[in-house]
C-alpha atoms as a PDB file:
ATOM      1  CA  MET A   1      20.887  64.169 -64.881  1.00  0.00           C
ATOM      2  CA  THR A   2      22.872  61.670 -62.668  1.00  0.00           C
ATOM      3  CA  ILE A   3      25.798  59.653 -63.404  1.00  0.00           C
ATOM      4  CA  GLY A   4      27.416  57.241 -60.459  1.00  0.00           C
ATOM      5  CA  ALA A   5      27.306  53.365 -59.838  1.00  0.00           C
ATOM      6  CA  PRO A   6      23.889  52.077 -61.312  1.00  0.00           C
ATOM      7  CA  ARG A   7      21.140  50.978 -58.886  1.00  0.00           C
ATOM      8  CA  VAL A   8      19.019  49.536 -61.628  1.00  0.00           C
ATOM      9  CA  LEU A   9      20.676  48.331 -64.771  1.00  0.00           C
ATOM     10  CA  CYS A  10      18.790  48.048 -67.834  1.00  0.00           C
ATOM     11  CA  ILE A  11      19.478  45.486 -70.443  1.00  0.00           C
ATOM     12  CA  GLY A  12      17.918  45.302 -73.959  1.00  0.00           C
ATOM     13  CA  GLU A  13      18.291  46.611 -77.677  1.00  0.00           C
ATOM     14  CA  SER A  14      18.325  50.560 -78.626  1.00  0.00           C
ATOM     15  CA  MET A  15      17.643  51.210 -82.288  1.00  0.00           C
ATOM     16  CA  ALA A  16      18.596  54.614 -83.964  1.00  0.00           C
ATOM     17  CA  LEU A  17      14.821  56.202 -84.704  1.00  0.00           C
ATOM     18  CA  PHE A  18      14.269  58.377 -87.754  1.00  0.00           C
ATOM     19  CA  VAL A  19      11.133  60.382 -88.148  1.00  0.00           C
ATOM     20  CA  PRO A  20      10.284  63.190 -90.880  1.00  0.00           C
ATOM     21  CA  ALA A  21      11.715  66.275 -90.680  1.00  0.00           C
ATOM     22  CA  GLY A  22       8.868  67.768 -92.398  1.00  0.00           C
ATOM     23  CA  SER A  23       5.184  67.167 -94.026  1.00  0.00           C
ATOM     24  CA  GLY A  24       4.720  64.243 -96.968  1.00  0.00           C
ATOM     25  CA  GLN A  25       4.584  60.738 -97.444  1.00  0.00           C
ATOM     26  CA  ALA A  26       7.333  58.729 -96.143  1.00  0.00           C
ATOM     27  CA  HIS A  27       8.487  57.951 -99.652  1.00  0.00           C
ATOM     28  CA  GLU A  28       8.455  61.477-100.235  1.00  0.00           C
ATOM     29  CA  VAL A  29      10.899  63.088 -97.395  1.00  0.00           C
ATOM     30  CA  ARG A  30      14.346  63.804 -98.072  1.00  0.00           C
ATOM     31  CA  ASP A  31      14.976  65.311 -94.491  1.00  0.00           C
ATOM     32  CA  TRP A  32      14.547  63.229 -91.512  1.00  0.00           C
ATOM     33  CA  LYS A  33      15.520  63.951 -88.237  1.00  0.00           C
ATOM     34  CA  ARG A  34      17.406  61.278 -86.147  1.00  0.00           C
ATOM     35  CA  SER A  35      17.151  60.254 -82.227  1.00  0.00           C
ATOM     36  CA  VAL A  36      17.540  57.236 -80.234  1.00  0.00           C
ATOM     37  CA  GLY A  37      14.767  54.580 -79.409  1.00  0.00           C
ATOM     38  CA  GLY A  38      14.486  51.872 -76.898  1.00  0.00           C
ATOM     39  CA  ALA A  39      12.643  50.556 -73.941  1.00  0.00           C
ATOM     40  CA  GLU A  40      14.839  49.698 -71.919  1.00  0.00           C
ATOM     41  CA  SER A  41      17.252  53.129 -72.221  1.00  0.00           C
ATOM     42  CA  ASN A  42      14.155  54.975 -72.207  1.00  0.00           C
ATOM     43  CA  VAL A  43      13.574  53.747 -68.802  1.00  0.00           C
ATOM     44  CA  ALA A  44      17.472  54.255 -67.829  1.00  0.00           C
ATOM     45  CA  CYS A  45      17.198  57.720 -69.121  1.00  0.00           C
ATOM     46  CA  HIS A  46      13.929  58.317 -67.185  1.00  0.00           C
ATOM     47  CA  LEU A  47      15.352  57.059 -64.005  1.00  0.00           C
ATOM     48  CA  ALA A  48      18.282  59.314 -64.602  1.00  0.00           C
ATOM     49  CA  SER A  49      16.238  62.058 -64.768  1.00  0.00           C
ATOM     50  CA  LEU A  50      14.787  61.466 -61.697  1.00  0.00           C
ATOM     51  CA  GLY A  51      17.849  61.273 -59.848  1.00  0.00           C
ATOM     52  CA  VAL A  52      18.520  57.268 -59.671  1.00  0.00           C
ATOM     53  CA  PRO A  53      22.079  56.432 -61.366  1.00  0.00           C
ATOM     54  CA  SER A  54      21.095  53.545 -64.095  1.00  0.00           C
ATOM     55  CA  GLY A  55      22.855  51.634 -66.464  1.00  0.00           C
ATOM     56  CA  TRP A  56      21.843  50.321 -70.097  1.00  0.00           C
ATOM     57  CA  VAL A  57      23.870  47.487 -70.970  1.00  0.00           C
ATOM     58  CA  SER A  58      23.011  46.162 -74.616  1.00  0.00           C
ATOM     59  CA  ALA A  59      25.107  45.802 -78.185  1.00  0.00           C
ATOM     60  CA  VAL A  60      25.709  47.908 -80.563  1.00  0.00           C
ATOM     61  CA  GLY A  61      27.741  48.425 -84.107  1.00  0.00           C
ATOM     62  CA  ALA A  62      30.569  49.372 -85.179  1.00  0.00           C
ATOM     63  CA  ASP A  63      28.681  52.171 -86.928  1.00  0.00           C
ATOM     64  CA  PRO A  64      27.791  56.133 -86.593  1.00  0.00           C
ATOM     65  CA  PHE A  65      24.741  54.760 -85.312  1.00  0.00           C
ATOM     66  CA  GLY A  66      26.083  52.692 -82.890  1.00  0.00           C
ATOM     67  CA  ARG A  67      28.158  55.648 -81.559  1.00  0.00           C
ATOM     68  CA  ALA A  68      25.294  57.888 -81.573  1.00  0.00           C
ATOM     69  CA  LEU A  69      23.106  55.643 -79.343  1.00  0.00           C
ATOM     70  CA  LEU A  70      26.237  55.551 -76.898  1.00  0.00           C
ATOM     71  CA  GLU A  71      26.879  59.331 -76.866  1.00  0.00           C
ATOM     72  CA  GLU A  72      23.586  60.462 -76.670  1.00  0.00           C
ATOM     73  CA  ILE A  73      22.795  57.560 -73.917  1.00  0.00           C
ATOM     74  CA  ALA A  74      25.331  58.821 -71.590  1.00  0.00           C
ATOM     75  CA  ALA A  75      24.720  62.459 -71.949  1.00  0.00           C
ATOM     76  CA  ALA A  76      21.033  61.677 -70.240  1.00  0.00           C
ATOM     77  CA  GLY A  77      23.137  60.444 -67.277  1.00  0.00           C
ATOM     78  CA  VAL A  78      23.502  56.963 -67.631  1.00  0.00           C
ATOM     79  CA  ASP A  79      26.290  54.563 -67.187  1.00  0.00           C
ATOM     80  CA  VAL A  80      26.620  52.623 -70.976  1.00  0.00           C
ATOM     81  CA  GLY A  81      29.768  51.064 -69.964  1.00  0.00           C
ATOM     82  CA  GLY A  82      28.506  47.412 -69.879  1.00  0.00           C
ATOM     83  CA  THR A  83      26.970  47.590 -73.491  1.00  0.00           C
ATOM     84  CA  ILE A  84      29.172  45.690 -76.548  1.00  0.00           C
ATOM     85  CA  VAL A  85      30.393  47.057 -79.594  1.00  0.00           C
ATOM     86  CA  ASP A  86      30.514  44.462 -82.251  1.00  0.00           C
ATOM     87  CA  PRO A  87      32.025  45.031 -85.215  1.00  0.00           C
ATOM     88  CA  ALA A  88      30.520  42.547 -87.712  1.00  0.00           C
ATOM     89  CA  ARG A  89      27.033  43.079 -86.878  1.00  0.00           C
ATOM     90  CA  PRO A  90      25.326  46.860 -87.187  1.00  0.00           C
ATOM     91  CA  THR A  91      22.825  48.900 -84.938  1.00  0.00           C
ATOM     92  CA  GLY A  92      19.627  48.318 -85.512  1.00  0.00           C
ATOM     93  CA  LEU A  93      17.043  51.087 -86.850  1.00  0.00           C
ATOM     94  CA  TYR A  94      13.564  51.901 -87.353  1.00  0.00           C
ATOM     95  CA  ILE A  95      11.512  54.858 -88.458  1.00  0.00           C
ATOM     96  CA  LYS A  96       8.310  56.062 -87.318  1.00  0.00           C
ATOM     97  CA  GLU A  97       6.133  57.270 -90.702  1.00  0.00           C
ATOM     98  CA  SER A  98       4.075  60.353 -89.786  1.00  0.00           C
ATOM     99  CA  ASP A  99       0.619  60.207 -91.551  1.00  0.00           C
ATOM    100  CA  ALA A 100      -3.166  60.765 -90.726  1.00  0.00           C
ATOM    101  CA  ASP A 101      -3.108  57.086 -89.570  1.00  0.00           C
ATOM    102  CA  GLY A 102      -0.747  58.165 -86.806  1.00  0.00           C
ATOM    103  CA  SER A 103       2.539  57.193 -86.672  1.00  0.00           C
ATOM    104  CA  PRO A 104       3.439  54.066 -88.620  1.00  0.00           C
ATOM    105  CA  VAL A 105       6.829  51.972 -87.392  1.00  0.00           C
ATOM    106  CA  ARG A 106       8.775  49.982 -89.178  1.00  0.00           C
ATOM    107  CA  TYR A 107      11.813  48.153 -87.763  1.00  0.00           C
ATOM    108  CA  TYR A 108      15.411  47.277 -89.555  1.00  0.00           C
ATOM    109  CA  ARG A 109      16.602  45.002 -86.747  1.00  0.00           C
ATOM    110  CA  THR A 110      16.844  41.266 -88.313  1.00  0.00           C
ATOM    111  CA  GLY A 111      20.651  40.865 -87.887  1.00  0.00           C
ATOM    112  CA  SER A 112      21.199  43.845 -85.458  1.00  0.00           C
ATOM    113  CA  ALA A 113      24.507  43.694 -82.959  1.00  0.00           C
ATOM    114  CA  ALA A 114      21.597  43.551 -80.032  1.00  0.00           C
ATOM    115  CA  SER A 115      20.306  40.548 -81.455  1.00  0.00           C
ATOM    116  CA  ALA A 116      23.227  38.589 -81.049  1.00  0.00           C
ATOM    117  CA  MET A 117      23.361  39.195 -76.907  1.00  0.00           C
ATOM    118  CA  GLY A 118      23.165  36.008 -75.262  1.00  0.00           C
ATOM    119  CA  PRO A 119      23.415  34.364 -71.606  1.00  0.00           C
ATOM    120  CA  GLU A 120      27.468  34.599 -71.730  1.00  0.00           C
ATOM    121  CA  LEU A 121      26.930  38.413 -71.606  1.00  0.00           C
ATOM    122  CA  LEU A 122      25.778  38.131 -68.147  1.00  0.00           C
ATOM    123  CA  ASP A 123      29.446  36.933 -67.658  1.00  0.00           C
ATOM    124  CA  ARG A 124      31.065  40.708 -68.711  1.00  0.00           C
ATOM    125  CA  LEU A 125      28.771  42.850 -66.281  1.00  0.00           C
ATOM    126  CA  ASP A 126      29.628  43.977 -62.579  1.00  0.00           C
ATOM    127  CA  LEU A 127      26.585  44.470 -60.842  1.00  0.00           C
ATOM    128  CA  THR A 128      28.475  45.751 -57.864  1.00  0.00           C
ATOM    129  CA  GLY A 129      25.566  48.297 -55.896  1.00  0.00           C
ATOM    130  CA  VAL A 130      23.139  47.199 -58.317  1.00  0.00           C
ATOM    131  CA  GLU A 131      19.647  46.668 -56.722  1.00  0.00           C
ATOM    132  CA  VAL A 132      17.369  46.366 -59.380  1.00  0.00           C
ATOM    133  CA  ILE A 133      17.229  44.440 -63.007  1.00  0.00           C
ATOM    134  CA  HIS A 134      14.856  45.635 -65.585  1.00  0.00           C
ATOM    135  CA  LEU A 135      14.084  43.774 -68.454  1.00  0.00           C
ATOM    136  CA  SER A 136      10.932  43.928 -71.132  1.00  0.00           C
ATOM    137  CA  GLY A 137       9.752  41.312 -73.259  1.00  0.00           C
ATOM    138  CA  ILE A 138      11.002  42.738 -76.176  1.00  0.00           C
ATOM    139  CA  THR A 139      14.410  41.646 -76.111  1.00  0.00           C
ATOM    140  CA  PRO A 140      13.436  37.755 -75.760  1.00  0.00           C
ATOM    141  CA  ALA A 141      11.514  38.194 -79.402  1.00  0.00           C
ATOM    142  CA  LEU A 142      14.974  39.513 -81.104  1.00  0.00           C
ATOM    143  CA  SER A 143      16.617  35.905 -81.255  1.00  0.00           C
ATOM    144  CA  PRO A 144      16.883  32.583 -79.600  1.00  0.00           C
ATOM    145  CA  SER A 145      19.862  34.259 -78.207  1.00  0.00           C
ATOM    146  CA  CYS A 146      18.577  36.997 -76.702  1.00  0.00           C
ATOM    147  CA  LEU A 147      15.256  34.685 -74.992  1.00  0.00           C
ATOM    148  CA  GLU A 148      18.642  32.550 -72.972  1.00  0.00           C
ATOM    149  CA  LEU A 149      19.825  36.026 -72.137  1.00  0.00           C
ATOM    150  CA  VAL A 150      16.491  36.779 -70.217  1.00  0.00           C
ATOM    151  CA  ARG A 151      15.857  33.248 -69.037  1.00  0.00           C
ATOM    152  CA  ALA A 152      19.577  33.471 -67.465  1.00  0.00           C
ATOM    153  CA  VAL A 153      18.892  36.868 -65.936  1.00  0.00           C
ATOM    154  CA  LEU A 154      15.701  35.982 -64.592  1.00  0.00           C
ATOM    155  CA  THR A 155      16.786  32.584 -62.858  1.00  0.00           C
ATOM    156  CA  ALA A 156      20.173  33.875 -61.811  1.00  0.00           C
ATOM    157  CA  PRO A 157      20.991  34.028 -57.765  1.00  0.00           C
ATOM    158  CA  ARG A 158      19.547  37.392 -56.804  1.00  0.00           C
ATOM    159  CA  GLU A 159      21.819  37.939 -54.085  1.00  0.00           C
ATOM    160  CA  GLY A 160      19.249  40.933 -52.535  1.00  0.00           C
ATOM    161  CA  ARG A 161      18.484  42.622 -56.404  1.00  0.00           C
ATOM    162  CA  CYS A 162      14.956  42.773 -57.398  1.00  0.00           C
ATOM    163  CA  VAL A 163      14.254  41.575 -61.364  1.00  0.00           C
ATOM    164  CA  SER A 164      11.822  43.969 -62.925  1.00  0.00           C
ATOM    165  CA  PHE A 165      10.013  42.392 -66.026  1.00  0.00           C
ATOM    166  CA  ASP A 166       7.480  44.892 -68.372  1.00  0.00           C
ATOM    167  CA  VAL A 167       5.735  42.139 -70.667  1.00  0.00           C
ATOM    168  CA  ASN A 168       5.855  44.659 -73.717  1.00  0.00           C
ATOM    169  CA  TRP A 169       4.311  42.292 -75.877  1.00  0.00           C
ATOM    170  CA  ARG A 170       4.749  43.640 -79.320  1.00  0.00           C
ATOM    171  CA  PRO A 171       2.599  41.786 -81.853  1.00  0.00           C
ATOM    172  CA  ALA A 172       4.777  42.190 -85.425  1.00  0.00           C
ATOM    173  CA  LEU A 173       7.962  40.676 -82.857  1.00  0.00           C
ATOM    174  CA  TRP A 174       5.688  37.257 -82.401  1.00  0.00           C
ATOM    175  CA  ALA A 175       4.055  36.875 -85.000  1.00  0.00           C
ATOM    176  CA  GLY A 176       3.777  33.088 -86.026  1.00  0.00           C
ATOM    177  CA  ARG A 177       5.081  32.602 -82.531  1.00  0.00           C
ATOM    178  CA  ASP A 178       3.840  31.713 -79.156  1.00  0.00           C
ATOM    179  CA  ALA A 179       4.213  34.897 -76.982  1.00  0.00           C
ATOM    180  CA  ARG A 180       2.631  32.315 -73.977  1.00  0.00           C
ATOM    181  CA  VAL A 181       6.455  31.986 -73.455  1.00  0.00           C
ATOM    182  CA  LEU A 182       6.336  36.059 -71.902  1.00  0.00           C
ATOM    183  CA  GLY A 183       3.651  34.808 -69.253  1.00  0.00           C
ATOM    184  CA  GLU A 184       6.692  32.116 -68.414  1.00  0.00           C
ATOM    185  CA  LEU A 185       9.482  34.635 -68.017  1.00  0.00           C
ATOM    186  CA  ALA A 186       7.010  36.752 -65.695  1.00  0.00           C
ATOM    187  CA  ALA A 187       6.537  34.380 -63.778  1.00  0.00           C
ATOM    188  CA  LEU A 188      10.022  34.288 -63.051  1.00  0.00           C
ATOM    189  CA  ALA A 189      10.578  38.134 -61.951  1.00  0.00           C
ATOM    190  CA  ASP A 190      10.229  39.903 -59.091  1.00  0.00           C
ATOM    191  CA  LEU A 191       8.063  42.662 -60.241  1.00  0.00           C
ATOM    192  CA  VAL A 192       5.942  42.527 -63.015  1.00  0.00           C
ATOM    193  CA  LEU A 193       4.657  45.215 -65.250  1.00  0.00           C
ATOM    194  CA  VAL A 194       1.731  44.486 -68.092  1.00  0.00           C
ATOM    195  CA  GLY A 195      -0.769  46.459 -69.983  1.00  0.00           C
ATOM    196  CA  GLU A 196      -4.303  44.812 -69.633  1.00  0.00           C
ATOM    197  CA  ASP A 197      -4.167  44.441 -73.568  1.00  0.00           C
ATOM    198  CA  GLU A 198      -1.033  42.514 -73.451  1.00  0.00           C
ATOM    199  CA  ALA A 199      -2.039  40.370 -70.335  1.00  0.00           C
ATOM    200  CA  GLU A 200      -5.457  39.554 -72.241  1.00  0.00           C
ATOM    201  CA  ALA A 201      -3.068  38.441 -75.471  1.00  0.00           C
ATOM    202  CA  VAL A 202      -0.508  36.733 -73.594  1.00  0.00           C
ATOM    203  CA  LEU A 203      -1.773  35.076 -70.148  1.00  0.00           C
ATOM    204  CA  GLY A 204      -5.493  35.049 -71.499  1.00  0.00           C
ATOM    205  CA  THR A 205      -7.272  37.600 -69.272  1.00  0.00           C
ATOM    206  CA  ARG A 206      -6.753  40.939 -67.862  1.00  0.00           C
ATOM    207  CA  ASP A 207      -8.500  40.971 -64.712  1.00  0.00           C
ATOM    208  CA  PRO A 208      -6.073  42.000 -61.902  1.00  0.00           C
ATOM    209  CA  ALA A 209      -7.032  39.443 -59.276  1.00  0.00           C
ATOM    210  CA  ARG A 210      -7.221  36.331 -62.247  1.00  0.00           C
ATOM    211  CA  LEU A 211      -3.262  37.702 -63.374  1.00  0.00           C
ATOM    212  CA  ARG A 212      -2.534  37.805 -59.894  1.00  0.00           C
ATOM    213  CA  ALA A 213      -3.098  33.924 -59.144  1.00  0.00           C
ATOM    214  CA  LEU A 214      -1.629  33.210 -62.396  1.00  0.00           C
ATOM    215  CA  LEU A 215       1.345  34.744 -61.336  1.00  0.00           C
ATOM    216  CA  PRO A 216       2.059  34.056 -57.664  1.00  0.00           C
ATOM    217  CA  GLY A 217       5.924  34.008 -58.096  1.00  0.00           C
ATOM    218  CA  PRO A 218       6.401  37.767 -58.453  1.00  0.00           C
ATOM    219  CA  SER A 219       6.316  39.509 -55.208  1.00  0.00           C
ATOM    220  CA  ALA A 220       4.477  42.773 -56.935  1.00  0.00           C
ATOM    221  CA  VAL A 221       2.337  42.772 -60.186  1.00  0.00           C
ATOM    222  CA  VAL A 222       1.421  46.340 -61.763  1.00  0.00           C
ATOM    223  CA  VAL A 223      -1.581  46.040 -64.383  1.00  0.00           C
ATOM    224  CA  LYS A 224      -1.754  49.464 -66.551  1.00  0.00           C
ATOM    225  CA  HIS A 225      -5.131  49.870 -67.294  1.00  0.00           C
ATOM    226  CA  GLY A 226      -4.347  52.844 -69.932  1.00  0.00           C
ATOM    227  CA  GLU A 227      -5.949  56.253 -69.390  1.00  0.00           C
ATOM    228  CA  ARG A 228      -7.739  54.508 -66.812  1.00  0.00           C
ATOM    229  CA  GLY A 229      -5.143  54.043 -64.028  1.00  0.00           C
ATOM    230  CA  ALA A 230      -3.203  51.216 -62.871  1.00  0.00           C
ATOM    231  CA  THR A 231      -3.493  48.495 -59.974  1.00  0.00           C
ATOM    232  CA  LEU A 232      -1.158  47.229 -57.700  1.00  0.00           C
ATOM    233  CA  LEU A 233      -0.872  43.571 -56.580  1.00  0.00           C
ATOM    234  CA  GLU A 234       1.306  43.291 -53.899  1.00  0.00           C
ATOM    235  CA  ASP A 235       2.345  40.257 -51.304  1.00  0.00           C
ATOM    236  CA  GLY A 236       0.612  41.022 -48.260  1.00  0.00           C
ATOM    237  CA  GLY A 237      -1.382  43.853 -48.983  1.00  0.00           C
ATOM    238  CA  PRO A 238      -4.529  44.366 -50.749  1.00  0.00           C
ATOM    239  CA  ALA A 239      -4.793  45.760 -54.469  1.00  0.00           C
ATOM    240  CA  VAL A 240      -4.336  49.270 -55.125  1.00  0.00           C
ATOM    241  CA  PHE A 241      -5.944  51.081 -57.564  1.00  0.00           C
ATOM    242  CA  ALA A 242      -4.594  54.607 -58.719  1.00  0.00           C
ATOM    243  CA  PRO A 243      -6.504  56.699 -61.591  1.00  0.00           C
ATOM    244  CA  ALA A 244      -4.137  58.237 -64.359  1.00  0.00           C
ATOM    245  CA  LEU A 245      -3.868  61.606 -64.752  1.00  0.00           C
ATOM    246  CA  ARG A 246      -5.745  63.225 -67.297  1.00  0.00           C
ATOM    247  CA  VAL A 247      -3.298  64.666 -69.627  1.00  0.00           C
ATOM    248  CA  GLU A 248      -3.536  66.813 -72.751  1.00  0.00           C
ATOM    249  CA  VAL A 249      -1.943  63.770 -75.164  1.00  0.00           C
ATOM    250  CA  VAL A 250       0.659  64.733 -78.065  1.00  0.00           C
ATOM    251  CA  GLU A 251       1.666  61.733 -78.707  1.00  0.00           C
ATOM    252  CA  PRO A 252       1.217  58.177 -76.580  1.00  0.00           C
ATOM    253  CA  VAL A 253       4.770  56.237 -77.456  1.00  0.00           C
ATOM    254  CA  GLY A 254       7.429  55.564 -74.307  1.00  0.00           C
ATOM    255  CA  ALA A 255       4.773  56.404 -72.188  1.00  0.00           C
ATOM    256  CA  GLY A 256       4.819  52.964 -70.443  1.00  0.00           C
ATOM    257  CA  ASP A 257       8.543  53.033 -70.480  1.00  0.00           C
ATOM    258  CA  ALA A 258       8.157  56.333 -68.360  1.00  0.00           C
ATOM    259  CA  PHE A 259       5.390  54.840 -66.117  1.00  0.00           C
ATOM    260  CA  ALA A 260       7.984  52.021 -64.988  1.00  0.00           C
ATOM    261  CA  ALA A 261      10.713  54.336 -64.395  1.00  0.00           C
ATOM    262  CA  GLY A 262       8.407  56.335 -62.038  1.00  0.00           C
ATOM    263  CA  PHE A 263       7.226  53.424 -60.467  1.00  0.00           C
ATOM    264  CA  LEU A 264      10.889  51.738 -60.016  1.00  0.00           C
ATOM    265  CA  ALA A 265      12.259  55.006 -58.576  1.00  0.00           C
ATOM    266  CA  ALA A 266       9.112  55.496 -56.100  1.00  0.00           C
ATOM    267  CA  SER A 267       9.837  51.879 -55.162  1.00  0.00           C
ATOM    268  CA  LEU A 268      13.609  52.644 -54.518  1.00  0.00           C
ATOM    269  CA  ARG A 269      12.413  55.282 -52.092  1.00  0.00           C
ATOM    270  CA  GLY A 270      10.438  53.166 -50.136  1.00  0.00           C
ATOM    271  CA  ALA A 271       7.324  54.685 -51.030  1.00  0.00           C
ATOM    272  CA  ASP A 272       3.536  53.345 -50.198  1.00  0.00           C
ATOM    273  CA  PRO A 273       1.752  52.012 -52.996  1.00  0.00           C
ATOM    274  CA  ALA A 274      -0.444  54.692 -53.896  1.00  0.00           C
ATOM    275  CA  THR A 275       2.698  56.925 -54.348  1.00  0.00           C
ATOM    276  CA  ARG A 276       4.544  54.698 -56.477  1.00  0.00           C
ATOM    277  CA  LEU A 277       1.722  53.806 -58.919  1.00  0.00           C
ATOM    278  CA  ARG A 278       1.409  58.038 -58.625  1.00  0.00           C
ATOM    279  CA  SER A 279       5.001  58.385 -59.756  1.00  0.00           C
ATOM    280  CA  GLY A 280       4.526  55.980 -62.377  1.00  0.00           C
ATOM    281  CA  HIS A 281       1.568  58.408 -63.752  1.00  0.00           C
ATOM    282  CA  LEU A 282       3.255  61.412 -63.708  1.00  0.00           C
ATOM    283  CA  GLN A 283       6.503  60.267 -65.529  1.00  0.00           C
ATOM    284  CA  ALA A 284       4.038  58.877 -68.070  1.00  0.00           C
ATOM    285  CA  ALA A 285       2.617  62.167 -68.327  1.00  0.00           C
ATOM    286  CA  SER A 286       6.001  63.981 -69.011  1.00  0.00           C
ATOM    287  CA  THR A 287       6.446  61.499 -72.067  1.00  0.00           C
ATOM    288  CA  LEU A 288       2.771  62.336 -72.732  1.00  0.00           C
ATOM    289  CA  LEU A 289       2.963  65.971 -73.572  1.00  0.00           C
ATOM    290  CA  THR A 290       5.831  65.488 -75.944  1.00  0.00           C
ATOM    291  CA  HIS A 291       6.807  64.119 -79.308  1.00  0.00           C
ATOM    292  CA  ASP A 292       9.719  62.462 -77.684  1.00  0.00           C
ATOM    293  CA  ASP A 293      10.380  59.220 -76.092  1.00  0.00           C
ATOM    294  CA  VAL A 294      11.679  60.543 -72.786  1.00  0.00           C
ATOM    295  CA  GLY A 295       9.894  63.791 -72.154  1.00  0.00           C
ATOM    296  CA  VAL A 296      10.907  66.908 -70.197  1.00  0.00           C
ATOM    297  CA  PRO A 297      10.899  65.932 -66.596  1.00  0.00           C
ATOM    298  CA  LEU A 298       7.385  68.124 -64.518  1.00  0.00           C
ATOM    299  CA  PRO A 299       8.297  71.067 -62.656  1.00  0.00           C
ATOM    300  CA  GLY A 300       9.170  69.286 -59.215  1.00  0.00           C
ATOM    301  CA  ALA A 301       6.272  71.814 -57.408  1.00  0.00           C
ATOM    302  CA  VAL A 302       3.745  70.238 -60.038  1.00  0.00           C
ATOM    303  CA  VAL A 303       5.225  66.525 -58.673  1.00  0.00           C
ATOM    304  CA  ARG A 304       4.865  66.895 -54.913  1.00  0.00           C
ATOM    305  CA  GLY A 305       1.446  69.102 -54.860  1.00  0.00           C
ATOM    306  CA  LEU A 306       0.294  66.127 -57.297  1.00  0.00           C
ATOM    307  CA  LEU A 307       1.980  63.093 -55.353  1.00  0.00           C
ATOM    308  CA  ASP A 308       0.157  64.966 -51.993  1.00  0.00           C
ATOM    309  CA  ALA A 309      -3.181  65.821 -53.508  1.00  0.00           C
ATOM    310  CA  ASP A 310      -6.095  63.894 -51.965  1.00  0.00           C
ATOM    311  CA  GLU A 311      -8.264  61.475 -54.216  1.00  0.00           C
ATOM    312  CA  HIS A 312     -10.653  64.455 -55.561  1.00  0.00           C
ATOM    313  CA  ASP A 313      -8.053  66.640 -56.242  1.00  0.00           C
ATOM    314  CA  TRP A 314      -5.619  64.097 -58.078  1.00  0.00           C
ATOM    315  CA  ALA A 315      -8.875  63.117 -60.329  1.00  0.00           C
ATOM    316  CA  ALA A 316      -9.634  67.003 -60.910  1.00  0.00           C
ATOM    317  CA  ALA A 317      -6.486  67.760 -62.265  1.00  0.00           C
ATOM    318  CA  THR A 318      -5.744  67.773 -66.084  1.00  0.00           C
ATOM    319  CA  LEU A 319      -1.655  68.356 -67.323  1.00  0.00           C
ATOM    320  CA  THR A 320      -0.950  70.309 -70.607  1.00  0.00           C
ATOM    321  CA  GLY A 321       2.037  71.171 -71.902  1.00  0.00           C
ATOM    322  CA  SER A 322       2.365  74.064 -70.285  1.00  0.00           C
ATOM    323  CA  ALA A 323       3.405  72.096 -67.339  1.00  0.00           C
ATOM    324  CA  LEU A 324       6.890  71.483 -69.422  1.00  0.00           C
ATOM    325  CA  THR A 325       7.734  75.221 -70.279  1.00  0.00           C
ATOM    326  CA  GLY A 326       5.817  77.039 -67.618  1.00  0.00           C
ATOM    327  CA  GLY A 327       6.765  77.345 -63.919  1.00  0.00           C
ATOM    328  CA  ALA A 328       5.194  75.485 -60.977  1.00  0.00           C
ATOM    329  CA  ILE A 329       1.875  76.659 -61.439  1.00  0.00           C
ATOM    330  CA  ALA A 330       1.225  76.460 -65.557  1.00  0.00           C
ATOM    331  CA  GLY A 331       0.350  73.370 -66.972  1.00  0.00           C
ATOM    332  CA  VAL A 332      -2.037  71.847 -64.085  1.00  0.00           C
ATOM    333  CA  THR A 333      -5.966  72.585 -63.835  1.00  0.00           C
ATOM    334  CA  GLY A 334      -8.064  71.541 -61.923  1.00  0.00           C
ATOM    335  CA  ALA A 335      -9.769  71.705 -58.031  1.00  0.00           C
ATOM    336  CA  GLY A 336      -8.650  71.644 -54.697  1.00  0.00           C
ATOM    337  CA  ALA A 337      -5.216  72.230 -53.935  1.00  0.00           C
ATOM    338  CA  SER A 338      -4.248  74.998 -54.910  1.00  0.00           C
ATOM    339  CA  GLU A 339      -1.823  76.167 -52.485  1.00  0.00           C
ATOM    340  CA  ARG A 340       0.089  73.844 -52.846  1.00  0.00           C
ATOM    341  CA  THR A 341       0.445  72.749 -56.913  1.00  0.00           C
ATOM    342  CA  GLY A 342      -0.667  75.930 -58.477  1.00  0.00           C
ATOM    343  CA  MET A 343      -3.232  74.079 -59.738  1.00  0.00           C
ATOM    344  CA  SER A 344      -6.443  76.382 -60.655  1.00  0.00           C
ATOM    345  CA  ARG A 345      -9.918  76.032 -59.044  1.00  0.00           C
ATOM    346  CA  THR A 346     -12.666  75.175 -61.957  1.00  0.00           C
END
């Protein structure tokens, strides 16, 4: 956990998340477990767990859910001082319905406090010491004023800062509207993170080289290929691909936010392109191994060993749930660098 002047400021809505506390159909469930859900606060919490001072800026209602969000995100080591408490509008809610088909999600966010955010929010922010502002494509879908807020951030003078934009295309949020605006916003960012499926939906292609041609403005574009890996296309350098780790997946939700945080943290450390991508994959793995949107960090020895592993050993490794509960040796199987990571030979 890290608390301090934010180096990364994440702007966007978070909501109270409810999941059934037991089994059964959602309409039959009486007991629910409440937690926090939101792409930008997820990124901020991951960054804090990685030792990067982070802040989360949004708006919440003057209600118990808003108070819970502020307290829990702050407890993760995130600066929440820039978040507004709106006395007139509620905190957004959403629920996950666990069933045989997965975890369908239902949102109750229309008219939420966060949906009323606008470009005037920028005038309230203290950006002293902030090196990265992180946004996602969820925010501009919430309301016209939220779209203008994102545009304002992307077009404001940088003053040495980087603006990171995770496309985060959500079909339900863009139903009946032209999602190509996400491509226009991405073109204004310095760093773009996009999944190949959403790239095809928003920009018409999933090919990294064609995406780079469509987005010449950003200094770096990261194309995520799901379980296959990710490609980094950066000014002045060749395309770099890093395969994803094999993981015993428990819940896929939140992996993209975790990847963004891992990549940003490594970038702030000045890591080379391959290490930045691997750092994203490792942080995503920590979330894939749990039901939580923000998982428990992997043991340091596992992270260091895998970051240093050669291509063969990286490709041979598999992360299991015991990597989160055991020692440095537990939870990683594969070939090769057993002296460094405890990876057993197979």
